[in-house]
N, C-alpha and C. Protein backbone atom coordinates (compact mmCIF):
# COMPACT_ATOMS: atom_id res chain seq x y z
N MET A 1 0.85 -1.19 0.00
CA MET A 1 0.00 0.00 0.00
C MET A 1 0.88 1.24 0.00
N GLU A 2 0.53 2.19 -0.84
CA GLU A 2 1.25 3.44 -0.89
C GLU A 2 0.82 4.30 0.30
N ASP A 3 1.75 5.02 0.87
CA ASP A 3 1.44 6.00 1.89
C ASP A 3 2.01 7.32 1.42
N PHE A 4 1.13 8.23 1.03
CA PHE A 4 1.57 9.51 0.52
C PHE A 4 1.61 10.54 1.63
N LEU A 5 2.56 11.45 1.53
CA LEU A 5 2.63 12.62 2.40
C LEU A 5 2.89 13.82 1.51
N GLY A 6 2.32 14.95 1.87
CA GLY A 6 2.63 16.18 1.15
C GLY A 6 1.42 16.90 0.62
N GLU A 7 1.68 18.13 0.25
CA GLU A 7 0.68 19.02 -0.34
C GLU A 7 1.41 19.85 -1.39
N TYR A 8 0.88 19.87 -2.60
CA TYR A 8 1.56 20.55 -3.70
C TYR A 8 0.58 21.40 -4.48
N GLU A 9 0.96 22.63 -4.75
CA GLU A 9 0.20 23.48 -5.66
C GLU A 9 0.75 23.26 -7.06
N VAL A 10 -0.15 22.97 -7.99
CA VAL A 10 0.25 22.75 -9.37
C VAL A 10 -0.70 23.52 -10.29
N THR A 11 -0.34 23.54 -11.55
CA THR A 11 -1.11 24.29 -12.53
C THR A 11 -1.62 23.35 -13.62
N LEU A 12 -2.89 23.53 -13.98
CA LEU A 12 -3.44 22.81 -15.11
C LEU A 12 -3.05 23.53 -16.39
N ASP A 13 -2.64 22.78 -17.39
CA ASP A 13 -2.37 23.42 -18.67
C ASP A 13 -3.70 23.60 -19.41
N PRO A 14 -3.70 24.28 -20.54
CA PRO A 14 -4.97 24.52 -21.26
C PRO A 14 -5.72 23.25 -21.66
N LYS A 15 -5.03 22.13 -21.77
CA LYS A 15 -5.70 20.87 -22.12
C LYS A 15 -6.24 20.13 -20.90
N GLY A 16 -6.00 20.67 -19.69
CA GLY A 16 -6.49 20.02 -18.48
C GLY A 16 -5.52 19.00 -17.91
N ARG A 17 -4.24 19.13 -18.22
CA ARG A 17 -3.23 18.21 -17.70
C ARG A 17 -2.45 18.88 -16.58
N PHE A 18 -1.95 18.05 -15.68
CA PHE A 18 -1.04 18.56 -14.65
C PHE A 18 0.12 17.59 -14.48
N LEU A 19 1.21 18.13 -14.03
CA LEU A 19 2.41 17.34 -13.79
C LEU A 19 2.34 16.78 -12.37
N LEU A 20 2.42 15.44 -12.25
CA LEU A 20 2.45 14.84 -10.92
C LEU A 20 3.76 15.26 -10.27
N PRO A 21 3.69 15.93 -9.10
CA PRO A 21 4.91 16.42 -8.47
C PRO A 21 5.91 15.30 -8.18
N ALA A 22 7.18 15.65 -8.30
CA ALA A 22 8.25 14.68 -8.04
C ALA A 22 8.13 14.11 -6.63
N GLY A 23 7.68 14.94 -5.69
CA GLY A 23 7.51 14.46 -4.32
C GLY A 23 6.56 13.28 -4.22
N PHE A 24 5.49 13.28 -5.02
CA PHE A 24 4.56 12.14 -5.05
C PHE A 24 5.15 10.99 -5.86
N LYS A 25 5.79 11.29 -6.97
CA LYS A 25 6.38 10.22 -7.79
C LYS A 25 7.38 9.40 -6.98
N LYS A 26 8.18 10.08 -6.16
CA LYS A 26 9.18 9.39 -5.34
C LYS A 26 8.53 8.48 -4.32
N GLN A 27 7.28 8.74 -3.97
CA GLN A 27 6.58 7.93 -2.96
C GLN A 27 5.87 6.73 -3.57
N LEU A 28 5.83 6.65 -4.89
CA LEU A 28 5.24 5.48 -5.53
C LEU A 28 6.21 4.31 -5.39
N PRO A 29 5.71 3.10 -5.16
CA PRO A 29 6.61 1.96 -5.10
C PRO A 29 7.34 1.78 -6.43
N GLU A 30 8.54 1.26 -6.37
CA GLU A 30 9.34 1.09 -7.58
C GLU A 30 8.67 0.17 -8.58
N ASP A 31 7.88 -0.80 -8.11
CA ASP A 31 7.22 -1.71 -9.03
C ASP A 31 5.90 -1.14 -9.55
N ALA A 32 5.55 0.07 -9.13
CA ALA A 32 4.30 0.68 -9.60
C ALA A 32 4.43 1.00 -11.08
N ASN A 33 3.35 0.76 -11.81
CA ASN A 33 3.38 1.01 -13.24
C ASN A 33 2.76 2.36 -13.59
N ALA A 34 2.64 3.24 -12.60
CA ALA A 34 2.12 4.60 -12.79
C ALA A 34 0.71 4.60 -13.36
N GLN A 35 -0.08 3.59 -13.02
CA GLN A 35 -1.49 3.57 -13.41
C GLN A 35 -2.33 4.01 -12.22
N PHE A 36 -3.37 4.78 -12.54
CA PHE A 36 -4.24 5.35 -11.51
C PHE A 36 -5.69 5.24 -11.96
N VAL A 37 -6.58 5.45 -10.99
CA VAL A 37 -7.98 5.70 -11.28
C VAL A 37 -8.32 7.02 -10.61
N MET A 38 -8.94 7.89 -11.39
CA MET A 38 -9.38 9.19 -10.87
C MET A 38 -10.90 9.18 -10.87
N ASN A 39 -11.48 9.65 -9.78
CA ASN A 39 -12.93 9.78 -9.75
C ASN A 39 -13.35 10.92 -8.84
N ARG A 40 -14.66 11.13 -8.80
CA ARG A 40 -15.21 12.17 -7.94
C ARG A 40 -14.92 11.81 -6.49
N GLY A 41 -14.54 12.82 -5.72
CA GLY A 41 -14.35 12.60 -4.29
C GLY A 41 -15.67 12.72 -3.56
N ILE A 42 -15.66 12.38 -2.30
CA ILE A 42 -16.87 12.52 -1.49
C ILE A 42 -17.19 14.00 -1.34
N ASP A 43 -16.15 14.82 -1.13
CA ASP A 43 -16.33 16.27 -1.11
C ASP A 43 -16.17 16.77 -2.54
N LYS A 44 -16.27 18.05 -2.76
CA LYS A 44 -16.17 18.60 -4.12
C LYS A 44 -14.71 18.67 -4.57
N CYS A 45 -14.09 17.52 -4.63
CA CYS A 45 -12.72 17.39 -5.11
C CYS A 45 -12.67 16.10 -5.92
N LEU A 46 -11.50 15.80 -6.45
CA LEU A 46 -11.29 14.54 -7.14
C LEU A 46 -10.37 13.68 -6.29
N THR A 47 -10.45 12.38 -6.48
CA THR A 47 -9.57 11.47 -5.78
C THR A 47 -8.80 10.65 -6.81
N LEU A 48 -7.48 10.61 -6.60
CA LEU A 48 -6.58 9.86 -7.47
C LEU A 48 -6.07 8.65 -6.70
N TYR A 49 -6.46 7.47 -7.17
CA TYR A 49 -6.08 6.22 -6.52
C TYR A 49 -5.00 5.52 -7.34
N PRO A 50 -3.88 5.15 -6.75
CA PRO A 50 -2.99 4.22 -7.45
C PRO A 50 -3.77 2.94 -7.73
N ILE A 51 -3.50 2.31 -8.84
CA ILE A 51 -4.29 1.15 -9.26
C ILE A 51 -4.31 0.05 -8.19
N LYS A 52 -3.21 -0.12 -7.46
CA LYS A 52 -3.16 -1.17 -6.43
C LYS A 52 -4.06 -0.83 -5.24
N VAL A 53 -4.36 0.43 -5.04
CA VAL A 53 -5.29 0.85 -3.98
C VAL A 53 -6.72 0.73 -4.48
N TRP A 54 -6.94 1.02 -5.76
CA TRP A 54 -8.27 0.97 -6.36
C TRP A 54 -8.80 -0.45 -6.44
N GLU A 55 -7.96 -1.40 -6.79
CA GLU A 55 -8.42 -2.77 -7.04
C GLU A 55 -9.21 -3.38 -5.88
N PRO A 56 -8.74 -3.29 -4.62
CA PRO A 56 -9.56 -3.87 -3.54
C PRO A 56 -10.87 -3.10 -3.31
N ILE A 57 -10.89 -1.81 -3.63
CA ILE A 57 -12.12 -1.03 -3.48
C ILE A 57 -13.15 -1.52 -4.49
N ILE A 58 -12.72 -1.67 -5.73
CA ILE A 58 -13.66 -2.11 -6.77
C ILE A 58 -14.10 -3.55 -6.52
N GLU A 59 -13.21 -4.36 -5.98
CA GLU A 59 -13.59 -5.73 -5.63
C GLU A 59 -14.69 -5.74 -4.57
N ARG A 60 -14.55 -4.89 -3.59
CA ARG A 60 -15.58 -4.80 -2.53
C ARG A 60 -16.90 -4.29 -3.10
N ILE A 61 -16.85 -3.29 -3.96
CA ILE A 61 -18.07 -2.76 -4.57
C ILE A 61 -18.74 -3.81 -5.43
N SER A 62 -17.95 -4.62 -6.12
CA SER A 62 -18.52 -5.65 -6.99
C SER A 62 -19.28 -6.71 -6.20
N ARG A 63 -19.02 -6.81 -4.90
CA ARG A 63 -19.71 -7.79 -4.06
C ARG A 63 -20.99 -7.23 -3.43
N LEU A 64 -21.27 -5.94 -3.65
CA LEU A 64 -22.50 -5.37 -3.09
C LEU A 64 -23.72 -6.02 -3.75
N ASN A 65 -24.80 -6.08 -3.02
CA ASN A 65 -26.03 -6.67 -3.52
C ASN A 65 -26.73 -5.65 -4.43
N ASP A 66 -26.73 -5.91 -5.71
CA ASP A 66 -27.31 -4.99 -6.68
C ASP A 66 -28.83 -4.91 -6.57
N PHE A 67 -29.44 -5.77 -5.77
CA PHE A 67 -30.89 -5.72 -5.57
C PHE A 67 -31.25 -4.76 -4.44
N GLU A 68 -30.26 -4.20 -3.74
CA GLU A 68 -30.51 -3.23 -2.68
C GLU A 68 -30.34 -1.82 -3.25
N ALA A 69 -31.35 -0.99 -3.05
CA ALA A 69 -31.35 0.36 -3.61
C ALA A 69 -30.15 1.17 -3.15
N ASP A 70 -29.81 1.10 -1.87
CA ASP A 70 -28.66 1.88 -1.37
C ASP A 70 -27.36 1.44 -2.01
N ALA A 71 -27.21 0.15 -2.26
CA ALA A 71 -26.00 -0.35 -2.90
C ALA A 71 -25.90 0.19 -4.33
N ARG A 72 -27.02 0.19 -5.04
CA ARG A 72 -27.02 0.73 -6.40
C ARG A 72 -26.72 2.22 -6.39
N ARG A 73 -27.36 2.95 -5.49
CA ARG A 73 -27.14 4.41 -5.41
C ARG A 73 -25.68 4.71 -5.10
N PHE A 74 -25.12 3.98 -4.13
CA PHE A 74 -23.73 4.21 -3.77
C PHE A 74 -22.80 3.91 -4.93
N SER A 75 -22.96 2.73 -5.54
CA SER A 75 -22.02 2.35 -6.60
C SER A 75 -22.14 3.28 -7.80
N ARG A 76 -23.36 3.71 -8.15
CA ARG A 76 -23.50 4.66 -9.26
C ARG A 76 -22.77 5.95 -8.96
N ARG A 77 -23.00 6.49 -7.78
CA ARG A 77 -22.39 7.78 -7.43
C ARG A 77 -20.87 7.65 -7.31
N PHE A 78 -20.42 6.60 -6.63
CA PHE A 78 -18.99 6.45 -6.39
C PHE A 78 -18.22 6.18 -7.67
N LEU A 79 -18.79 5.38 -8.55
CA LEU A 79 -18.10 5.00 -9.78
C LEU A 79 -18.31 6.00 -10.93
N SER A 80 -19.26 6.91 -10.75
CA SER A 80 -19.56 7.88 -11.80
C SER A 80 -18.33 8.72 -12.13
N GLY A 81 -17.92 8.64 -13.36
CA GLY A 81 -16.77 9.41 -13.81
C GLY A 81 -15.43 8.76 -13.56
N ALA A 82 -15.41 7.62 -12.89
CA ALA A 82 -14.12 6.96 -12.61
C ALA A 82 -13.42 6.66 -13.94
N THR A 83 -12.15 7.04 -13.98
CA THR A 83 -11.38 6.93 -15.22
C THR A 83 -10.01 6.34 -14.93
N LYS A 84 -9.66 5.27 -15.65
CA LYS A 84 -8.33 4.68 -15.53
C LYS A 84 -7.38 5.52 -16.37
N MET A 85 -6.19 5.78 -15.83
CA MET A 85 -5.23 6.61 -16.55
C MET A 85 -3.82 6.25 -16.12
N GLU A 86 -2.88 6.71 -16.89
CA GLU A 86 -1.48 6.55 -16.51
C GLU A 86 -0.71 7.81 -16.90
N LEU A 87 0.42 7.97 -16.26
CA LEU A 87 1.26 9.12 -16.54
C LEU A 87 1.70 9.08 -18.00
N ASP A 88 1.69 10.23 -18.66
CA ASP A 88 2.22 10.27 -20.01
C ASP A 88 3.74 10.35 -19.95
N SER A 89 4.39 10.44 -21.09
CA SER A 89 5.86 10.42 -21.13
C SER A 89 6.48 11.61 -20.41
N ALA A 90 5.69 12.69 -20.21
CA ALA A 90 6.20 13.86 -19.50
C ALA A 90 5.83 13.84 -18.01
N GLY A 91 5.15 12.77 -17.56
CA GLY A 91 4.77 12.67 -16.15
C GLY A 91 3.50 13.42 -15.81
N ARG A 92 2.63 13.63 -16.82
CA ARG A 92 1.39 14.36 -16.61
C ARG A 92 0.19 13.43 -16.62
N LEU A 93 -0.89 13.91 -15.98
CA LEU A 93 -2.17 13.24 -16.02
C LEU A 93 -3.19 14.21 -16.60
N LEU A 94 -4.09 13.68 -17.43
CA LEU A 94 -5.15 14.47 -18.05
C LEU A 94 -6.43 14.28 -17.25
N ILE A 95 -7.02 15.39 -16.79
CA ILE A 95 -8.28 15.31 -16.05
C ILE A 95 -9.43 15.39 -17.05
N PRO A 96 -10.30 14.38 -17.08
CA PRO A 96 -11.45 14.44 -17.98
C PRO A 96 -12.33 15.66 -17.66
N GLN A 97 -12.92 16.23 -18.68
CA GLN A 97 -13.72 17.45 -18.52
C GLN A 97 -14.84 17.27 -17.49
N VAL A 98 -15.53 16.14 -17.51
CA VAL A 98 -16.63 15.92 -16.58
C VAL A 98 -16.14 15.98 -15.13
N LEU A 99 -14.93 15.50 -14.87
CA LEU A 99 -14.37 15.56 -13.52
C LEU A 99 -13.89 16.97 -13.19
N LYS A 100 -13.30 17.64 -14.16
CA LYS A 100 -12.91 19.04 -13.96
C LYS A 100 -14.12 19.88 -13.57
N ASP A 101 -15.23 19.67 -14.26
CA ASP A 101 -16.44 20.42 -13.98
C ASP A 101 -16.96 20.12 -12.57
N TYR A 102 -16.97 18.84 -12.19
CA TYR A 102 -17.47 18.44 -10.87
C TYR A 102 -16.72 19.16 -9.75
N ALA A 103 -15.40 19.21 -9.84
CA ALA A 103 -14.57 19.80 -8.78
C ALA A 103 -14.28 21.28 -9.03
N ALA A 104 -14.88 21.86 -10.07
CA ALA A 104 -14.68 23.27 -10.41
C ALA A 104 -13.19 23.60 -10.53
N LEU A 105 -12.45 22.71 -11.19
CA LEU A 105 -11.01 22.91 -11.31
C LEU A 105 -10.72 23.94 -12.40
N GLU A 106 -9.85 24.84 -12.04
CA GLU A 106 -9.42 25.86 -12.98
C GLU A 106 -7.91 25.74 -13.10
N ARG A 107 -7.25 26.81 -13.35
CA ARG A 107 -5.80 26.78 -13.58
C ARG A 107 -5.02 26.32 -12.35
N ASP A 108 -5.32 26.88 -11.19
CA ASP A 108 -4.56 26.59 -9.97
C ASP A 108 -5.27 25.51 -9.15
N ILE A 109 -4.55 24.41 -8.93
CA ILE A 109 -5.11 23.31 -8.15
C ILE A 109 -4.12 22.92 -7.06
N VAL A 110 -4.62 22.16 -6.09
CA VAL A 110 -3.80 21.68 -4.99
C VAL A 110 -3.96 20.16 -4.91
N LEU A 111 -2.84 19.46 -4.80
CA LEU A 111 -2.84 18.01 -4.61
C LEU A 111 -2.47 17.75 -3.16
N ILE A 112 -3.31 17.01 -2.45
CA ILE A 112 -3.00 16.72 -1.05
C ILE A 112 -3.00 15.21 -0.81
N ALA A 113 -2.04 14.78 -0.03
CA ALA A 113 -1.94 13.37 0.33
C ALA A 113 -3.05 13.02 1.31
N ARG A 114 -3.67 11.87 1.08
CA ARG A 114 -4.68 11.34 1.99
C ARG A 114 -4.34 9.88 2.24
N ILE A 115 -3.20 9.66 2.83
CA ILE A 115 -2.65 8.36 3.17
C ILE A 115 -2.35 7.55 1.90
N ASN A 116 -3.33 6.81 1.37
CA ASN A 116 -3.04 5.94 0.22
C ASN A 116 -3.63 6.47 -1.09
N LYS A 117 -4.09 7.70 -1.06
CA LYS A 117 -4.66 8.33 -2.25
C LYS A 117 -4.31 9.81 -2.24
N ILE A 118 -4.62 10.48 -3.34
CA ILE A 118 -4.33 11.90 -3.47
C ILE A 118 -5.62 12.61 -3.84
N GLU A 119 -5.93 13.69 -3.12
CA GLU A 119 -7.08 14.51 -3.47
C GLU A 119 -6.63 15.67 -4.34
N ILE A 120 -7.49 16.06 -5.27
CA ILE A 120 -7.21 17.16 -6.19
C ILE A 120 -8.29 18.21 -5.97
N TRP A 121 -7.87 19.39 -5.55
CA TRP A 121 -8.80 20.46 -5.17
C TRP A 121 -8.61 21.71 -6.01
N ASN A 122 -9.69 22.41 -6.25
CA ASN A 122 -9.63 23.79 -6.71
C ASN A 122 -8.92 24.56 -5.60
N LYS A 123 -7.90 25.35 -5.93
CA LYS A 123 -7.10 26.03 -4.90
C LYS A 123 -7.95 26.91 -3.99
N THR A 124 -8.87 27.66 -4.55
CA THR A 124 -9.72 28.53 -3.73
C THR A 124 -10.58 27.71 -2.77
N ALA A 125 -11.18 26.65 -3.27
CA ALA A 125 -12.02 25.79 -2.42
C ALA A 125 -11.19 25.16 -1.31
N TYR A 126 -9.96 24.74 -1.63
CA TYR A 126 -9.10 24.13 -0.62
C TYR A 126 -8.70 25.16 0.43
N ASP A 127 -8.36 26.37 0.00
CA ASP A 127 -8.02 27.43 0.96
C ASP A 127 -9.20 27.71 1.89
N GLU A 128 -10.42 27.73 1.35
CA GLU A 128 -11.61 27.93 2.18
C GLU A 128 -11.78 26.79 3.17
N LEU A 129 -11.53 25.57 2.73
CA LEU A 129 -11.62 24.42 3.62
C LEU A 129 -10.63 24.56 4.78
N LEU A 130 -9.38 24.90 4.46
CA LEU A 130 -8.38 25.06 5.51
C LEU A 130 -8.73 26.19 6.46
N ASN A 131 -9.25 27.28 5.92
CA ASN A 131 -9.64 28.40 6.77
C ASN A 131 -10.77 28.04 7.72
N SER A 132 -11.59 27.07 7.33
CA SER A 132 -12.68 26.65 8.20
C SER A 132 -12.15 25.91 9.43
N TYR A 133 -10.88 25.51 9.42
CA TYR A 133 -10.26 24.81 10.55
C TYR A 133 -9.47 25.76 11.46
N GLU A 134 -9.55 27.06 11.24
CA GLU A 134 -8.68 27.98 11.95
C GLU A 134 -8.93 28.06 13.45
N ASP A 135 -10.13 27.75 13.89
CA ASP A 135 -10.41 27.79 15.32
C ASP A 135 -9.76 26.56 15.97
N ASP A 136 -8.65 26.79 16.68
CA ASP A 136 -7.90 25.68 17.27
C ASP A 136 -8.73 24.86 18.25
N ALA A 137 -9.57 25.52 19.03
CA ALA A 137 -10.39 24.80 20.01
C ALA A 137 -11.39 23.89 19.29
N GLU A 138 -11.98 24.39 18.23
CA GLU A 138 -12.95 23.59 17.48
C GLU A 138 -12.26 22.41 16.80
N PHE A 139 -11.07 22.66 16.23
CA PHE A 139 -10.34 21.57 15.59
C PHE A 139 -9.89 20.55 16.62
N SER A 140 -9.50 21.00 17.80
CA SER A 140 -9.10 20.09 18.87
C SER A 140 -10.27 19.19 19.27
N LYS A 141 -11.46 19.76 19.34
CA LYS A 141 -12.65 18.98 19.66
C LYS A 141 -12.92 17.94 18.57
N LEU A 142 -12.81 18.36 17.31
CA LEU A 142 -12.99 17.44 16.18
C LEU A 142 -11.96 16.32 16.24
N ALA A 143 -10.70 16.66 16.50
CA ALA A 143 -9.65 15.65 16.58
C ALA A 143 -9.96 14.65 17.68
N SER A 144 -10.43 15.13 18.80
CA SER A 144 -10.77 14.24 19.91
C SER A 144 -11.91 13.30 19.54
N GLN A 145 -12.93 13.83 18.87
CA GLN A 145 -14.06 13.00 18.46
C GLN A 145 -13.63 11.93 17.45
N VAL A 146 -12.86 12.34 16.47
CA VAL A 146 -12.47 11.43 15.39
C VAL A 146 -11.42 10.42 15.84
N MET A 147 -10.47 10.88 16.60
CA MET A 147 -9.36 10.02 16.99
C MET A 147 -9.59 9.29 18.31
N GLY A 148 -10.74 9.50 18.93
CA GLY A 148 -11.09 8.74 20.12
C GLY A 148 -10.55 9.29 21.42
N GLY A 149 -10.34 10.59 21.48
CA GLY A 149 -9.92 11.20 22.74
C GLY A 149 -8.58 10.65 23.21
N ASN A 150 -8.55 10.13 24.40
CA ASN A 150 -7.32 9.65 25.01
C ASN A 150 -6.99 8.21 24.65
N ASN A 151 -7.73 7.62 23.73
CA ASN A 151 -7.51 6.23 23.37
C ASN A 151 -6.28 6.01 22.51
N ILE A 152 -5.80 7.06 21.87
CA ILE A 152 -4.64 6.92 20.98
C ILE A 152 -3.52 7.75 21.53
N ALA A 153 -2.41 7.10 21.77
CA ALA A 153 -1.25 7.82 22.28
C ALA A 153 -0.47 8.40 21.10
N VAL A 154 -0.18 9.69 21.21
CA VAL A 154 0.62 10.35 20.21
C VAL A 154 1.96 10.66 20.84
N PRO A 155 3.05 10.14 20.29
CA PRO A 155 4.35 10.38 20.90
C PRO A 155 4.67 11.86 20.94
N SER A 156 5.23 12.31 22.03
CA SER A 156 5.62 13.72 22.12
C SER A 156 6.99 13.88 21.49
N THR A 157 7.24 15.08 21.01
CA THR A 157 8.53 15.33 20.35
C THR A 157 9.43 16.15 21.22
């Protein structure tokens, strides 16, 4: 499993391509064939999955009961726009127009690591998201709720 770290501001060219930052390329396993799946994120962003991360997700979705309405709704929404792609010879990825429209991507975008995947954000939308976390007390409360309060020990530095 890939574990990505980092945040990079990049630029879309007029054709909708961006250069995958060297910082992310270096984090790909050496045996990776630079194949990805890009799809709509849960939030108004895109998610870029290395193919080895995508495969178990699609396997799990394929086992959902297609006779259940929620399973159909989820798989339609989650898979809508999913596109297999690979880096071109210059190390770029092309964002399909339908996905660009969904995430309102313009010239300036931000790529952020999300453990085993990369999110692609409109820079303005991402800045607004980060600004919504500015209240340290509120973020501390959120961290406690999500991470289980005192249940997880974080080493001090």
